[in-house]
Amino acid sequence: MIKLLKKHNLFYFISYSTRTFVWLLCLLTFPNLYAQEEASLEFPAESNGIFAEGKPIEVIFYLKNPTQRKISGQLICQFSTLQQQNLSNEVKPIEVYPKDLQALVFSFQPSKAGFYKITVKLESTQSKLNVNSLVAGYAIDQMQVNKSGKPDFDTFWQKTRQELAQVAPNFRLTKKTELSTAQYDIYLVEMQSLDNMTIRGIYRTPKNKRNVPAILQLPSLGGGFTNPKSLDEQPLYGVPLDFAVLSLNIRGHGNSKDHLNVGKDVFTYITHNLHDKNKYVYRGAVADAIRGLDFLSQRLEIDKERIAIEGASQGGGLSLIVAALDNRVKLCAADVPFLCDIENLTTQTGWVKNEIEKYIKKNKNLSYHQALNNLSYFDTKNFAPMIKIPVLMSTGLQDNTCPPATNFATFNQIKSTFKQYCVYPYGKHGGGGVEHRKLKFNWIRSWFGM
């Protein structure tokens, strides 16, 4: 059964399958055809850029002629894999009279599930246009991925948790009177994590309340939390005031840089100590997040059955990992997650591969193969089968930083009986932005009975 709802200029497609898996596809409104640009490449109005098995991928190329002369030429549409392997070329003539608009449809029937790149360019002597491109998905719930988890994967993480448990958390709270209000109190929280490293966060809790639902908020790469605002005050990062929230600065982020500070080049963080999986930065970062759960779980005002974890990009990837490792997490909301299908990530976008290669040049004893081997211990797709709680994942279909193909390599492996995804067809690494954050907290509220 498929239900179509419209609210606030977003279309919500909710599909209920016999296996109770739920996929939530959110379509953004389409660009204005009469914007300043002369050309646009779009999906059909009824599509969100994800095409069902057996249905061809379709795109529409719009060309507006604002000049006083006729534009004629030919359009060349190329369908290719994300690794730039050409699969199909389609050529169509086009003729657009002054002040007119033409629309041409291109289609392609993929032979297997996955994500594909569509590129359209105009060859004309009268007009010079930039190449237009889109990424579309086909039968994405059928995508198959190669597992990269090593035989000692579970043992590695059991040992990590055991080492963390041996470090006394020594929680310290300092009330921030200047940030607290009549509605809530705000505290600086300090604690000891793996390797006895000091990490910090900001804790906000409603005044004089008990059984409060809580959010563990994890940062994006290089980000940091200073003052958790309400959703109204900070629509992109805020948390509603009836939640308690620990905005945790994992090691090397925000005010947790005492022992690890990568400086301005934040991308080097992802390869810090990559030569040794036991010293690799994300082993500590995951432990930091689990220590954040330790803090929330010992607070008397927190409802232990209503703790959710959320974050975007790096924070989204860490949220998925912690949701797999720790059953104190009851909901997971991961946006445009990083650390997904890492080996394929290196072939679909250049920034991760570049950082690995830079690190290898400085660490001659580390091979590229060994680097990927170490990264497999932190790949969300290897944690996904362990996730049993409700999950909401969002992705920007045009995201070149954490491409949707990598996100779904993880999502499809999640064994939760209730998982949802939200696709923003023209979204980049910002995903669904403000609208999705509203949707996310509505989703959390529905699960927490609020």
Foldseek 3Di string as FASTA:
>chain_A
DWDWDDDPQKIWIWDQDPLRAIAIAIEHDDDDCPPPAQKAKAAPPVDQQEAEAPDWGKIKIKGFAQDQAKWWFKKWKFKAALLRHTDDIDIDIDIAHHRGMDMDMDIDHDPDWFKIKMWMATDTPVDHHDIYMFIGTYNLLPDADDAQDDPCLVVVVVVLVVQFVVAFFPKDWDWDVVQADQFKTKTWIWTAGHVRAIWIWIKIATPPAAQQFEEEEEEAQQEADDHADACVVPLQGHHHSSHIYTDTAFAQHDPRPPPHHPPPPSLLLQCVVLLDLVPRNVSRRLRSSVVVVVVQVPDRRHNQLRYAYEYEACSLLSQLQNLLVDVSHAEYEYELYHLFPVVVLVSNAPSNVVSLVVVCVVVVVDDPVSSVSSSSSSRSLNSQCSRAHEYEYFYECAESNRHVRRVSSNVSNHPHSYYYYYYYRHDYSCTPGSVVSVVVVVVSCVVVVD
